[in-house]
Amino acid sequence: MPRRVSLSGQNLSLSDIKDYYDDSKRALTLYFSLHSFNYNYRFVDCNINEIEQELQARLDELDRLTSFSILSSLEASLRMDYLTRCNQKKKDALSRKMRRIYQIRGSRASLEDNILRLWKEAYPEYKSFISEVITAFKYRHWLAHGRYWEPKLGRIYDYYSLYDLAYSMEHLLTSLN
């Protein structure tokens, strides 16, 4: 029998990530504004277009970093749901199927191939939504592995679209639990 996972409690909630994003965006915007305490020193040799381009580059990177955090948080929610269903021996069909996977893979069950596939099978009415979640995790894979190739995802992801997707998935997890 696989060992139980000790949960760290250090996973971020979506609201934690939202607060971080909002605070960081405001801080960057202030830092690149005329009201910044070191504006004249920092941007002495820059014209307004260069400053705006640099700000946009920083905001784009903030978007990617917080997108990665959102998807990591969503993975944590999905894995904790999986472990809870397995450890509490819930009797619903999804939990039973998850326990069969758990007997083989333990806590190392594949998110896309095992956990989310079982969700699609158990709730076919959410199949297309869960497929969107799986594609979003391909975006996270691209972010995590250095962004050196052009991803073929079929859509563009950003902080706002991923926040909405993760929020909806977490709502689904709690409503079907």
C-alpha atoms as a PDB file:
ATOM      1  CA  MET A   1       0.000   0.000   0.000  1.00  0.00           C
ATOM      2  CA  PRO A   2       1.407   3.430  -0.940  1.00  0.00           C
ATOM      3  CA  ARG A   3       2.465   5.770   1.858  1.00  0.00           C
ATOM      4  CA  ARG A   4       0.263   8.703   2.699  1.00  0.00           C
ATOM      5  CA  VAL A   5       1.411  12.128   1.633  1.00  0.00           C
ATOM      6  CA  SER A   6       2.035  14.687   4.366  1.00  0.00           C
ATOM      7  CA  LEU A   7       0.447  17.913   3.186  1.00  0.00           C
ATOM      8  CA  SER A   8       2.646  20.961   3.785  1.00  0.00           C
ATOM      9  CA  GLY A   9      -0.085  23.568   3.992  1.00  0.00           C
ATOM     10  CA  GLN A  10       2.151  25.899   1.971  1.00  0.00           C
ATOM     11  CA  ASN A  11       0.107  25.767  -1.221  1.00  0.00           C
ATOM     12  CA  LEU A  12      -1.222  29.143  -2.318  1.00  0.00           C
ATOM     13  CA  SER A  13      -4.895  29.865  -2.714  1.00  0.00           C
ATOM     14  CA  LEU A  14      -6.204  31.681  -5.763  1.00  0.00           C
ATOM     15  CA  SER A  15      -6.953  34.699  -3.577  1.00  0.00           C
ATOM     16  CA  ASP A  16      -3.316  34.731  -2.348  1.00  0.00           C
ATOM     17  CA  ILE A  17      -2.140  34.722  -5.966  1.00  0.00           C
ATOM     18  CA  LYS A  18      -4.631  37.429  -6.932  1.00  0.00           C
ATOM     19  CA  ASP A  19      -3.414  39.668  -4.099  1.00  0.00           C
ATOM     20  CA  TYR A  20       0.212  39.099  -5.136  1.00  0.00           C
ATOM     21  CA  TYR A  21      -0.592  39.892  -8.774  1.00  0.00           C
ATOM     22  CA  ASP A  22      -2.533  43.050  -7.927  1.00  0.00           C
ATOM     23  CA  ASP A  23       0.129  44.314  -5.494  1.00  0.00           C
ATOM     24  CA  SER A  24       2.978  43.567  -7.909  1.00  0.00           C
ATOM     25  CA  LYS A  25       1.207  45.208 -10.840  1.00  0.00           C
ATOM     26  CA  ARG A  26       0.559  48.349  -8.797  1.00  0.00           C
ATOM     27  CA  ALA A  27       4.157  48.382  -7.552  1.00  0.00           C
ATOM     28  CA  LEU A  28       5.585  48.019 -11.060  1.00  0.00           C
ATOM     29  CA  THR A  29       3.300  50.709 -12.425  1.00  0.00           C
ATOM     30  CA  LEU A  30       4.356  53.080  -9.647  1.00  0.00           C
ATOM     31  CA  TYR A  31       8.047  52.217 -10.066  1.00  0.00           C
ATOM     32  CA  PHE A  32       7.898  53.103 -13.773  1.00  0.00           C
ATOM     33  CA  SER A  33       5.899  56.301 -13.202  1.00  0.00           C
ATOM     34  CA  LEU A  34       7.054  59.881 -12.735  1.00  0.00           C
ATOM     35  CA  HIS A  35       6.026  59.527  -9.069  1.00  0.00           C
ATOM     36  CA  SER A  36       8.700  56.925  -8.392  1.00  0.00           C
ATOM     37  CA  PHE A  37      11.260  58.125  -5.857  1.00  0.00           C
ATOM     38  CA  ASN A  38      14.168  57.152  -8.135  1.00  0.00           C
ATOM     39  CA  TYR A  39      12.580  57.804 -11.533  1.00  0.00           C
ATOM     40  CA  ASN A  40      15.163  60.405 -12.581  1.00  0.00           C
ATOM     41  CA  TYR A  41      18.066  58.199 -11.522  1.00  0.00           C
ATOM     42  CA  ARG A  42      16.721  54.904 -12.936  1.00  0.00           C
ATOM     43  CA  PHE A  43      15.468  56.232 -16.276  1.00  0.00           C
ATOM     44  CA  VAL A  44      17.935  59.059 -16.881  1.00  0.00           C
ATOM     45  CA  ASP A  45      18.927  57.873 -20.381  1.00  0.00           C
ATOM     46  CA  CYS A  46      15.518  56.543 -21.467  1.00  0.00           C
ATOM     47  CA  ASN A  47      12.784  58.126 -23.509  1.00  0.00           C
ATOM     48  CA  ILE A  48       9.109  57.603 -22.661  1.00  0.00           C
ATOM     49  CA  ASN A  49       8.673  54.822 -25.259  1.00  0.00           C
ATOM     50  CA  GLU A  50      11.597  52.857 -23.826  1.00  0.00           C
ATOM     51  CA  ILE A  51      10.189  53.209 -20.321  1.00  0.00           C
ATOM     52  CA  GLU A  52       6.739  52.063 -21.449  1.00  0.00           C
ATOM     53  CA  GLN A  53       8.249  49.082 -23.309  1.00  0.00           C
ATOM     54  CA  GLU A  54      10.262  48.061 -20.264  1.00  0.00           C
ATOM     55  CA  LEU A  55       7.181  48.363 -18.041  1.00  0.00           C
ATOM     56  CA  GLN A  56       5.191  46.224 -20.468  1.00  0.00           C
ATOM     57  CA  ALA A  57       7.953  43.593 -20.524  1.00  0.00           C
ATOM     58  CA  ARG A  58       7.876  43.460 -16.699  1.00  0.00           C
ATOM     59  CA  LEU A  59       4.075  43.207 -16.672  1.00  0.00           C
ATOM     60  CA  ASP A  60       4.195  40.419 -19.266  1.00  0.00           C
ATOM     61  CA  GLU A  61       6.668  38.507 -17.088  1.00  0.00           C
ATOM     62  CA  LEU A  62       4.480  39.074 -14.026  1.00  0.00           C
ATOM     63  CA  ASP A  63       1.583  37.649 -16.033  1.00  0.00           C
ATOM     64  CA  ARG A  64       3.568  34.507 -16.875  1.00  0.00           C
ATOM     65  CA  LEU A  65       4.846  34.004 -13.329  1.00  0.00           C
ATOM     66  CA  THR A  66       1.435  34.367 -11.755  1.00  0.00           C
ATOM     67  CA  SER A  67      -0.085  32.177 -14.477  1.00  0.00           C
ATOM     68  CA  PHE A  68       2.399  29.507 -13.444  1.00  0.00           C
ATOM     69  CA  SER A  69       1.391  29.984  -9.794  1.00  0.00           C
ATOM     70  CA  ILE A  70      -2.293  29.698 -10.670  1.00  0.00           C
ATOM     71  CA  LEU A  71      -1.748  26.427 -12.496  1.00  0.00           C
ATOM     72  CA  SER A  72       0.466  25.108  -9.699  1.00  0.00           C
ATOM     73  CA  SER A  73      -2.242  25.997  -7.196  1.00  0.00           C
ATOM     74  CA  LEU A  74      -4.839  24.248  -9.344  1.00  0.00           C
ATOM     75  CA  GLU A  75      -2.661  21.152  -9.547  1.00  0.00           C
ATOM     76  CA  ALA A  76      -2.361  21.163  -5.758  1.00  0.00           C
ATOM     77  CA  SER A  77      -6.158  21.381  -5.428  1.00  0.00           C
ATOM     78  CA  LEU A  78      -6.677  18.509  -7.863  1.00  0.00           C
ATOM     79  CA  ARG A  79      -4.050  16.328  -6.191  1.00  0.00           C
ATOM     80  CA  MET A  80      -5.380  17.062  -2.688  1.00  0.00           C
ATOM     81  CA  ASP A  81      -8.882  16.168  -3.896  1.00  0.00           C
ATOM     82  CA  TYR A  82      -7.469  12.917  -5.338  1.00  0.00           C
ATOM     83  CA  LEU A  83      -5.668  12.064  -2.091  1.00  0.00           C
ATOM     84  CA  THR A  84      -8.701  12.947   0.016  1.00  0.00           C
ATOM     85  CA  ARG A  85     -10.968  10.753  -2.094  1.00  0.00           C
ATOM     86  CA  CYS A  86      -8.505   7.880  -1.805  1.00  0.00           C
ATOM     87  CA  ASN A  87      -7.634   8.224   1.885  1.00  0.00           C
ATOM     88  CA  GLN A  88     -11.192   8.824   3.080  1.00  0.00           C
ATOM     89  CA  LYS A  89     -12.426   5.887   0.971  1.00  0.00           C
ATOM     90  CA  LYS A  90     -15.362   7.812  -0.408  1.00  0.00           C
ATOM     91  CA  LYS A  91     -17.984   5.590  -2.043  1.00  0.00           C
ATOM     92  CA  ASP A  92     -18.842   7.527  -5.203  1.00  0.00           C
ATOM     93  CA  ALA A  93     -17.800   6.063  -8.575  1.00  0.00           C
ATOM     94  CA  LEU A  94     -15.054   8.646  -9.192  1.00  0.00           C
ATOM     95  CA  SER A  95     -13.445   8.000  -5.808  1.00  0.00           C
ATOM     96  CA  ARG A  96     -13.528   4.230  -6.360  1.00  0.00           C
ATOM     97  CA  LYS A  97     -11.770   4.602  -9.707  1.00  0.00           C
ATOM     98  CA  MET A  98      -9.232   6.942  -8.145  1.00  0.00           C
ATOM     99  CA  ARG A  99      -8.500   4.377  -5.430  1.00  0.00           C
ATOM    100  CA  ARG A 100      -7.734   1.790  -8.119  1.00  0.00           C
ATOM    101  CA  ILE A 101      -5.219   4.210  -9.651  1.00  0.00           C
ATOM    102  CA  TYR A 102      -3.879   4.971  -6.173  1.00  0.00           C
ATOM    103  CA  GLN A 103      -3.195   1.280  -5.527  1.00  0.00           C
ATOM    104  CA  ILE A 104      -0.924   1.244  -8.584  1.00  0.00           C
ATOM    105  CA  ARG A 105       0.514   4.764  -8.746  1.00  0.00           C
ATOM    106  CA  GLY A 106       0.008   6.087  -5.237  1.00  0.00           C
ATOM    107  CA  SER A 107       0.494   9.853  -4.986  1.00  0.00           C
ATOM    108  CA  ARG A 108       2.410   9.816  -8.280  1.00  0.00           C
ATOM    109  CA  ALA A 109      -0.679   9.460 -10.438  1.00  0.00           C
ATOM    110  CA  SER A 110      -0.422  11.519 -13.603  1.00  0.00           C
ATOM    111  CA  LEU A 111      -2.505  14.656 -13.408  1.00  0.00           C
ATOM    112  CA  GLU A 112      -3.570  14.623 -17.051  1.00  0.00           C
ATOM    113  CA  ASP A 113      -3.557  10.889 -17.850  1.00  0.00           C
ATOM    114  CA  ASN A 114      -5.043   9.623 -14.606  1.00  0.00           C
ATOM    115  CA  ILE A 115      -6.755  12.197 -12.424  1.00  0.00           C
ATOM    116  CA  LEU A 116      -8.287  14.499 -15.044  1.00  0.00           C
ATOM    117  CA  ARG A 117      -9.093  11.581 -17.362  1.00  0.00           C
ATOM    118  CA  LEU A 118     -11.137  10.043 -14.544  1.00  0.00           C
ATOM    119  CA  TRP A 119     -12.933  13.347 -14.028  1.00  0.00           C
ATOM    120  CA  LYS A 120     -13.839  13.424 -17.736  1.00  0.00           C
ATOM    121  CA  GLU A 121     -15.168   9.865 -17.566  1.00  0.00           C
ATOM    122  CA  ALA A 122     -17.153  10.444 -14.381  1.00  0.00           C
ATOM    123  CA  TYR A 123     -18.658  13.742 -15.523  1.00  0.00           C
ATOM    124  CA  PRO A 124     -19.004  13.684 -19.319  1.00  0.00           C
ATOM    125  CA  GLU A 125     -21.050  16.889 -19.181  1.00  0.00           C
ATOM    126  CA  TYR A 126     -17.806  18.673 -18.170  1.00  0.00           C
ATOM    127  CA  LYS A 127     -15.593  16.869 -20.694  1.00  0.00           C
ATOM    128  CA  SER A 128     -14.861  19.938 -22.829  1.00  0.00           C
ATOM    129  CA  PHE A 129     -14.184  22.102 -19.777  1.00  0.00           C
ATOM    130  CA  ILE A 130     -11.772  19.531 -18.328  1.00  0.00           C
ATOM    131  CA  SER A 131     -10.064  19.308 -21.724  1.00  0.00           C
ATOM    132  CA  GLU A 132      -9.500  23.071 -21.464  1.00  0.00           C
ATOM    133  CA  VAL A 133      -7.882  22.505 -18.071  1.00  0.00           C
ATOM    134  CA  ILE A 134      -5.620  19.833 -19.558  1.00  0.00           C
ATOM    135  CA  THR A 135      -4.546  22.219 -22.339  1.00  0.00           C
ATOM    136  CA  ALA A 136      -3.829  24.904 -19.743  1.00  0.00           C
ATOM    137  CA  PHE A 137      -1.479  22.464 -18.023  1.00  0.00           C
ATOM    138  CA  LYS A 138       0.369  22.155 -21.335  1.00  0.00           C
ATOM    139  CA  TYR A 139       0.913  25.918 -21.087  1.00  0.00           C
ATOM    140  CA  ARG A 140       2.287  25.406 -17.572  1.00  0.00           C
ATOM    141  CA  HIS A 141       4.603  22.719 -18.937  1.00  0.00           C
ATOM    142  CA  TRP A 142       5.895  25.255 -21.485  1.00  0.00           C
ATOM    143  CA  LEU A 143       6.453  27.841 -18.734  1.00  0.00           C
ATOM    144  CA  ALA A 144       8.166  25.355 -16.421  1.00  0.00           C
ATOM    145  CA  HIS A 145      10.584  24.086 -19.039  1.00  0.00           C
ATOM    146  CA  GLY A 146      12.064  27.359 -20.140  1.00  0.00           C
ATOM    147  CA  ARG A 147       9.732  28.589 -22.919  1.00  0.00           C
ATOM    148  CA  TYR A 148      12.311  27.754 -25.577  1.00  0.00           C
ATOM    149  CA  TRP A 149       9.826  26.375 -28.150  1.00  0.00           C
ATOM    150  CA  GLU A 150       6.689  27.788 -29.705  1.00  0.00           C
ATOM    151  CA  PRO A 151       3.763  26.162 -27.902  1.00  0.00           C
ATOM    152  CA  LYS A 152       0.850  24.899 -29.996  1.00  0.00           C
ATOM    153  CA  LEU A 153      -2.026  25.329 -27.597  1.00  0.00           C
ATOM    154  CA  GLY A 154      -4.829  26.545 -29.827  1.00  0.00           C
ATOM    155  CA  ARG A 155      -5.279  29.687 -27.758  1.00  0.00           C
ATOM    156  CA  ILE A 156      -3.415  32.339 -25.819  1.00  0.00           C
ATOM    157  CA  TYR A 157      -3.356  32.093 -22.041  1.00  0.00           C
ATOM    158  CA  ASP A 158      -2.914  34.948 -19.626  1.00  0.00           C
ATOM    159  CA  TYR A 159      -3.358  35.616 -15.938  1.00  0.00           C
ATOM    160  CA  TYR A 160      -7.051  36.541 -16.242  1.00  0.00           C
ATOM    161  CA  SER A 161      -8.133  33.590 -18.403  1.00  0.00           C
ATOM    162  CA  LEU A 162      -6.224  31.130 -16.215  1.00  0.00           C
ATOM    163  CA  TYR A 163      -7.581  32.648 -13.011  1.00  0.00           C
ATOM    164  CA  ASP A 164     -11.135  32.215 -14.325  1.00  0.00           C
ATOM    165  CA  LEU A 165     -10.400  28.648 -15.460  1.00  0.00           C
ATOM    166  CA  ALA A 166      -8.829  27.675 -12.119  1.00  0.00           C
ATOM    167  CA  TYR A 167     -11.630  29.348 -10.168  1.00  0.00           C
ATOM    168  CA  SER A 168     -14.224  27.407 -12.170  1.00  0.00           C
ATOM    169  CA  MET A 169     -12.367  24.122 -11.728  1.00  0.00           C
ATOM    170  CA  GLU A 170     -11.999  24.642  -7.987  1.00  0.00           C
ATOM    171  CA  HIS A 171     -15.703  25.470  -7.803  1.00  0.00           C
ATOM    172  CA  LEU A 172     -16.445  22.230  -9.670  1.00  0.00           C
ATOM    173  CA  LEU A 173     -14.242  20.276  -7.251  1.00  0.00           C
ATOM    174  CA  THR A 174     -16.084  21.614  -4.214  1.00  0.00           C
ATOM    175  CA  SER A 175     -19.567  21.330  -5.701  1.00  0.00           C
ATOM    176  CA  LEU A 176     -19.096  17.689  -6.747  1.00  0.00           C
ATOM    177  CA  ASN A 177     -17.390  16.593  -3.558  1.00  0.00           C
END
